[in-house]
Amino acid sequence: MTGTISKLVTVILLMSVCACGDNSARQGGLSFPVADSVPAGEAVKLSDEAVADIVQNIASPVEIAAILQSMEVPFSAEYLAPTQGADRLTTNFQKAVMLGIYGADLGYLNMYEKTGNSVDVLSTIKRLADGLRVGQYFDFETLKRLSVSKSNLDSLLFISVNSYNQIDEYLRDNNRGSISALMIAGVWIEGQYLASQVALGNHDEVLRDRIGEQKIILGDLLMLLRPYRESSAEYTSLYNMMETIAGTYRDVRITYRLGEPETVEQDGRLVMVQHEESIVEMSDDQLAEIAAISKDVRTKLIYGK
């Protein structure tokens, strides 16, 4: 369980994210009630090990942030999801998705060392966490102090990660895994949007490869969401939208080539580790379609239209 939590919150807090230019948050759209938990008879729960494998396969947010910075993509507030209107989110579904999105926004701010701009996002995350009855695990005052002072980025990231660790553990231990799955989905959608939009205007093979590899990740995310897809109309809609994105990858080809083996020390012993390299074949037209559908899904989730 610990490995799952650690990798989940790393994704949530460090994934570079995006936002549309409109400054009004979602006020309508998908607004059906959704239960926090799904009765055992309605869903086959994934084991902790299965969830860990799924989350582990999500592309490293640190790697994506490093790619953007190496491309000299400047920080832009236009990439941040709007916080205005967040108080009007009414369902736990909406709050959980947006908690993931804003958590990713916080990571984007922190990775670009724009910690002074993060207080509003922190406040919004705290309100959403309170609304989901997990606010007791969010150390808002310490995070706010570190953000305002810009004093210690490492501490800021650590405490942020620890807060999300505790939230995720609490949700899963209390049969609210559907809420945690929504947080993961929100993070992925944000990162997918940012990466694909940047790739449209900046030809970078490494970034394009990371986007192409999401074909595999999407299969994992659909597996994570599948047990809950019939629990509410909101969940059904989300699952169908994720399948729509997956459909844009139908002609993207991914093959693998063995790399050079490496000898590493593990537990005092030398072991041979075999690396492999993925080769992504994705045309400009395919990238454009992926970017367009990803943007459309994100817009619907944030703005309800």
Protein backbone atom coordinates (compact mmCIF):
# COMPACT_ATOMS: atom_id res chain seq x y z
CA MET A 1 0.00 0.00 0.00
CA THR A 2 2.81 2.40 0.85
CA GLY A 3 4.31 2.14 -2.65
CA THR A 4 0.94 2.87 -4.22
CA ILE A 5 0.39 5.97 -2.11
CA SER A 6 3.88 7.32 -2.70
CA LYS A 7 3.66 6.99 -6.46
CA LEU A 8 0.09 8.34 -6.58
CA VAL A 9 0.86 11.54 -4.76
CA THR A 10 4.06 12.08 -6.69
CA VAL A 11 1.93 12.08 -9.81
CA ILE A 12 -0.68 14.34 -8.26
CA LEU A 13 1.74 16.93 -6.94
CA LEU A 14 4.43 17.04 -9.60
CA MET A 15 2.64 16.54 -12.92
CA SER A 16 2.80 19.68 -15.08
CA VAL A 17 -0.74 20.74 -15.87
CA CYS A 18 -2.86 23.04 -17.98
CA ALA A 19 -5.96 25.19 -18.07
CA CYS A 20 -8.22 26.88 -20.60
CA GLY A 21 -8.09 30.66 -20.85
CA ASP A 22 -11.60 31.18 -19.47
CA ASN A 23 -11.49 32.38 -15.86
CA SER A 24 -14.81 30.94 -14.72
CA ALA A 25 -14.88 27.53 -13.07
CA ARG A 26 -17.46 24.91 -13.83
CA GLN A 27 -20.91 25.82 -12.59
CA GLY A 28 -23.05 23.26 -14.35
CA GLY A 29 -22.76 20.22 -16.57
CA LEU A 30 -22.23 16.83 -14.94
CA SER A 31 -23.95 17.20 -11.60
CA PHE A 32 -25.43 13.84 -10.68
CA PRO A 33 -24.88 12.59 -7.13
CA VAL A 34 -22.25 9.91 -6.63
CA ALA A 35 -21.59 7.75 -3.61
CA ASP A 36 -18.11 7.73 -2.09
CA SER A 37 -17.97 3.96 -2.12
CA VAL A 38 -19.31 1.23 -4.36
CA PRO A 39 -20.92 -1.85 -2.81
CA ALA A 40 -18.83 -4.98 -3.27
CA GLY A 41 -21.56 -6.53 -5.37
CA GLU A 42 -21.34 -3.74 -7.92
CA ALA A 43 -17.60 -3.69 -8.54
CA VAL A 44 -14.65 -6.02 -8.46
CA LYS A 45 -12.02 -4.18 -6.48
CA LEU A 46 -8.47 -4.14 -7.72
CA SER A 47 -5.87 -5.33 -5.28
CA ASP A 48 -3.40 -2.86 -3.80
CA GLU A 49 -0.70 -4.56 -5.87
CA ALA A 50 -2.69 -4.07 -9.08
CA VAL A 51 -3.28 -0.40 -8.29
CA ALA A 52 0.42 0.02 -7.49
CA ASP A 53 1.36 -1.45 -10.86
CA ILE A 54 -1.07 0.89 -12.65
CA VAL A 55 0.15 4.03 -10.91
CA GLN A 56 3.80 3.01 -11.29
CA ASN A 57 3.35 2.94 -15.06
CA ILE A 58 2.15 6.54 -15.24
CA ALA A 59 4.81 8.66 -16.91
CA SER A 60 7.09 10.41 -14.43
CA PRO A 61 5.81 13.94 -13.82
CA VAL A 62 9.31 15.02 -12.91
CA GLU A 63 10.49 13.79 -16.29
CA ILE A 64 7.74 15.71 -18.09
CA ALA A 65 8.51 18.90 -16.16
CA ALA A 66 12.19 18.47 -16.99
CA ILE A 67 11.34 18.04 -20.67
CA LEU A 68 9.32 21.26 -20.74
CA GLN A 69 12.05 23.17 -18.94
CA SER A 70 14.71 21.79 -21.28
CA MET A 71 12.55 23.03 -24.15
CA GLU A 72 12.58 26.43 -22.42
CA VAL A 73 8.80 26.45 -22.22
CA PRO A 74 8.17 29.40 -19.88
CA PHE A 75 5.84 29.31 -16.91
CA SER A 76 2.39 30.65 -17.73
CA ALA A 77 -0.56 31.26 -15.44
CA GLU A 78 -2.74 30.43 -18.44
CA TYR A 79 -1.91 26.78 -17.76
CA LEU A 80 -3.52 26.91 -14.31
CA ALA A 81 -7.08 25.73 -13.77
CA PRO A 82 -9.29 28.60 -12.56
CA THR A 83 -10.13 28.57 -8.87
CA GLN A 84 -13.05 30.98 -9.15
CA GLY A 85 -16.29 29.12 -8.61
CA ALA A 86 -14.68 26.08 -6.98
CA ASP A 87 -16.94 26.60 -3.97
CA ARG A 88 -19.92 25.90 -6.21
CA LEU A 89 -18.81 22.35 -6.98
CA THR A 90 -21.62 20.29 -5.50
CA THR A 91 -20.84 16.58 -5.87
CA ASN A 92 -18.03 14.50 -4.44
CA PHE A 93 -17.26 13.44 -8.01
CA GLN A 94 -16.56 17.04 -9.02
CA LYS A 95 -14.59 17.76 -5.86
CA ALA A 96 -12.39 14.68 -6.27
CA VAL A 97 -11.57 15.35 -9.92
CA MET A 98 -10.77 18.98 -9.16
CA LEU A 99 -8.73 18.03 -6.10
CA GLY A 100 -6.49 16.08 -8.44
CA ILE A 101 -6.38 18.91 -10.95
CA TYR A 102 -5.53 21.57 -8.38
CA GLY A 103 -3.00 19.27 -6.74
CA ALA A 104 -1.30 19.01 -10.12
CA ASP A 105 -1.49 22.79 -10.47
CA LEU A 106 0.29 23.09 -7.15
CA GLY A 107 3.00 20.81 -8.45
CA TYR A 108 3.35 22.89 -11.61
CA LEU A 109 3.74 26.05 -9.54
CA ASN A 110 6.26 24.43 -7.25
CA MET A 111 8.34 22.90 -10.03
CA TYR A 112 8.69 26.34 -11.62
CA GLU A 113 9.37 27.81 -8.17
CA LYS A 114 6.32 30.05 -8.40
CA THR A 115 5.50 29.24 -4.80
CA GLY A 116 4.36 32.77 -4.07
CA ASN A 117 1.45 32.26 -6.47
CA SER A 118 0.27 29.04 -4.88
CA VAL A 119 -1.67 30.35 -1.86
CA ASP A 120 -4.94 30.59 -3.79
CA VAL A 121 -4.51 27.07 -5.12
CA LEU A 122 -3.64 25.84 -1.62
CA SER A 123 -6.77 27.45 -0.21
CA THR A 124 -8.90 25.84 -2.89
CA ILE A 125 -7.36 22.42 -2.28
CA LYS A 126 -8.06 22.79 1.46
CA ARG A 127 -11.72 23.64 0.84
CA LEU A 128 -12.18 20.70 -1.51
CA ALA A 129 -10.43 18.36 0.91
CA ASP A 130 -12.71 19.57 3.70
CA GLY A 131 -15.69 18.96 1.44
CA LEU A 132 -14.55 15.38 0.93
CA ARG A 133 -14.01 14.99 4.70
CA VAL A 134 -10.26 14.53 4.34
CA GLY A 135 -9.15 18.06 5.19
CA GLN A 136 -7.69 16.92 8.49
CA TYR A 137 -4.82 15.40 6.52
CA PHE A 138 -3.91 18.63 4.72
CA ASP A 139 -1.35 20.77 6.56
CA PHE A 140 -2.55 24.04 5.08
CA GLU A 141 -0.90 26.48 7.47
CA THR A 142 2.59 25.03 7.04
CA LEU A 143 2.23 24.81 3.27
CA LYS A 144 0.97 28.39 3.13
CA ARG A 145 3.91 29.63 5.21
CA LEU A 146 6.44 27.83 3.01
CA SER A 147 4.76 29.08 -0.17
CA VAL A 148 4.68 32.71 0.91
CA SER A 149 8.27 32.70 2.14
CA LYS A 150 9.59 30.69 -0.82
CA SER A 151 11.97 29.35 1.79
CA ASN A 152 12.29 25.64 1.16
CA LEU A 153 11.00 24.00 -2.00
CA ASP A 154 12.03 20.53 -0.83
CA SER A 155 10.03 20.88 2.39
CA LEU A 156 7.06 22.28 0.49
CA LEU A 157 7.00 19.30 -1.84
CA PHE A 158 7.54 16.82 0.98
CA ILE A 159 4.69 18.12 3.12
CA SER A 160 2.41 18.36 0.09
CA VAL A 161 3.19 14.76 -0.83
CA ASN A 162 2.68 13.62 2.76
CA SER A 163 -0.72 15.31 2.89
CA TYR A 164 -1.88 13.53 -0.23
CA ASN A 165 -0.36 10.28 1.06
CA GLN A 166 -2.59 10.42 4.10
CA ILE A 167 -5.65 11.41 2.09
CA ASP A 168 -5.22 8.51 -0.31
CA GLU A 169 -4.57 6.00 2.47
CA TYR A 170 -7.65 7.16 4.36
CA LEU A 171 -9.86 6.92 1.27
CA ARG A 172 -8.74 3.41 0.39
CA ASP A 173 -8.88 2.17 3.96
CA ASN A 174 -12.45 3.44 4.28
CA ASN A 175 -13.84 1.92 1.08
CA ARG A 176 -13.70 5.21 -0.83
CA GLY A 177 -11.34 4.05 -3.55
CA SER A 178 -13.59 5.55 -6.21
CA ILE A 179 -12.69 9.02 -4.93
CA SER A 180 -8.97 8.27 -5.10
CA ALA A 181 -9.37 6.95 -8.65
CA LEU A 182 -10.99 10.23 -9.65
CA MET A 183 -8.02 12.16 -8.27
CA ILE A 184 -5.67 10.09 -10.43
CA ALA A 185 -7.86 10.63 -13.50
CA GLY A 186 -7.91 14.39 -12.93
CA VAL A 187 -4.13 14.54 -12.70
CA TRP A 188 -3.65 12.47 -15.84
CA ILE A 189 -6.07 14.57 -17.89
CA GLU A 190 -4.30 17.78 -16.85
CA GLY A 191 -0.87 16.44 -17.71
CA GLN A 192 -2.12 15.02 -21.00
CA TYR A 193 -3.59 18.37 -22.00
CA LEU A 194 -0.49 20.36 -21.18
CA ALA A 195 1.90 17.96 -22.86
CA SER A 196 -0.16 17.64 -26.03
CA GLN A 197 -0.81 21.37 -26.36
CA VAL A 198 2.89 22.19 -25.90
CA ALA A 199 3.82 19.48 -28.41
CA LEU A 200 1.57 21.02 -31.06
CA GLY A 201 3.67 24.17 -31.13
CA ASN A 202 7.06 22.72 -30.25
CA HIS A 203 8.47 19.73 -32.07
CA ASP A 204 10.32 17.71 -29.46
CA GLU A 205 10.78 13.98 -29.97
CA VAL A 206 11.09 13.14 -26.28
CA LEU A 207 7.84 14.94 -25.42
CA ARG A 208 6.06 13.34 -28.38
CA ASP A 209 7.24 9.92 -27.23
CA ARG A 210 5.86 10.52 -23.74
CA ILE A 211 2.51 11.48 -25.26
CA GLY A 212 2.51 8.42 -27.51
CA GLU A 213 3.26 6.15 -24.56
CA GLN A 214 0.03 7.29 -22.92
CA LYS A 215 -1.68 4.69 -25.13
CA ILE A 216 -0.45 2.11 -22.63
CA ILE A 217 -1.20 4.27 -19.61
CA LEU A 218 -4.77 4.84 -20.76
CA GLY A 219 -5.42 1.12 -20.68
CA ASP A 220 -4.27 1.09 -17.07
CA LEU A 221 -6.40 4.11 -16.14
CA LEU A 222 -9.47 2.55 -17.72
CA MET A 223 -8.81 -0.57 -15.67
CA LEU A 224 -8.63 1.58 -12.53
CA LEU A 225 -11.91 3.34 -13.32
CA ARG A 226 -13.80 0.32 -14.69
CA PRO A 227 -15.04 -1.07 -11.35
CA TYR A 228 -16.93 2.19 -10.73
CA ARG A 229 -18.12 3.04 -14.23
CA GLU A 230 -21.76 2.13 -13.54
CA SER A 231 -21.92 3.63 -10.06
CA SER A 232 -23.29 6.96 -11.30
CA ALA A 233 -24.03 8.90 -14.47
CA GLU A 234 -20.99 11.08 -13.79
CA TYR A 235 -18.69 8.10 -13.59
CA THR A 236 -20.20 6.57 -16.72
CA SER A 237 -19.62 9.82 -18.58
CA LEU A 238 -16.02 10.06 -17.40
CA TYR A 239 -15.30 6.47 -18.35
CA ASN A 240 -16.78 6.98 -21.81
CA MET A 241 -14.73 10.15 -22.31
CA MET A 242 -11.56 8.33 -21.34
CA GLU A 243 -12.43 5.61 -23.84
CA THR A 244 -12.86 8.34 -26.47
CA ILE A 245 -9.32 9.56 -25.79
CA ALA A 246 -8.10 5.97 -25.99
CA GLY A 247 -9.75 5.70 -29.40
CA THR A 248 -7.54 8.50 -30.74
CA TYR A 249 -4.54 6.25 -30.06
CA ARG A 250 -5.87 3.38 -32.20
CA ASP A 251 -3.25 3.86 -34.94
CA VAL A 252 -0.34 4.91 -32.71
CA ARG A 253 2.23 2.11 -32.73
CA ILE A 254 4.57 1.32 -29.84
CA THR A 255 7.32 -1.26 -30.13
CA TYR A 256 10.13 -2.13 -27.77
CA ARG A 257 13.85 -2.68 -28.24
CA LEU A 258 16.18 -4.17 -25.67
CA GLY A 259 18.84 -1.80 -24.45
CA GLU A 260 22.19 -2.45 -22.87
CA PRO A 261 22.02 -4.46 -19.63
CA GLU A 262 23.28 -2.73 -16.50
CA THR A 263 24.88 -4.16 -13.38
CA VAL A 264 23.55 -2.58 -10.20
CA GLU A 265 23.91 -3.31 -6.49
CA GLN A 266 20.78 -4.41 -4.64
CA ASP A 267 20.83 -5.48 -1.01
CA GLY A 268 24.59 -5.89 -1.13
CA ARG A 269 24.52 -8.06 -4.26
CA LEU A 270 25.29 -7.29 -7.88
CA VAL A 271 22.33 -7.98 -10.16
CA MET A 272 21.87 -7.57 -13.89
CA VAL A 273 19.06 -5.24 -14.95
CA GLN A 274 17.79 -5.41 -18.52
CA HIS A 275 16.55 -2.08 -19.88
CA GLU A 276 14.22 -1.63 -22.83
CA GLU A 277 13.50 1.33 -25.06
CA SER A 278 10.07 2.17 -26.42
CA ILE A 279 9.75 3.28 -30.03
CA VAL A 280 6.66 5.39 -30.73
CA GLU A 281 5.25 5.91 -34.20
CA MET A 282 2.79 8.81 -34.16
CA SER A 283 2.05 11.18 -37.04
CA ASP A 284 1.37 14.90 -36.79
CA ASP A 285 -2.28 14.25 -37.65
CA GLN A 286 -2.56 11.66 -34.89
CA LEU A 287 -1.00 14.07 -32.39
CA ALA A 288 -3.42 16.80 -33.44
CA GLU A 289 -6.40 14.47 -32.94
CA ILE A 290 -5.13 13.34 -29.53
CA ALA A 291 -4.59 16.96 -28.45
CA ALA A 292 -8.04 18.06 -29.64
CA ILE A 293 -9.95 15.27 -27.90
CA SER A 294 -7.89 15.60 -24.72
CA LYS A 295 -8.65 19.32 -24.64
CA ASP A 296 -12.35 18.67 -25.19
CA VAL A 297 -12.52 16.14 -22.33
CA ARG A 298 -10.68 18.46 -19.99
CA THR A 299 -12.99 21.35 -20.85
CA LYS A 300 -16.06 19.24 -20.13
CA LEU A 301 -14.70 18.12 -16.77
CA ILE A 302 -13.68 21.58 -15.59
CA TYR A 303 -16.36 23.75 -17.17
CA GLY A 304 -19.16 21.24 -17.68
CA LYS A 305 -19.52 22.05 -21.37
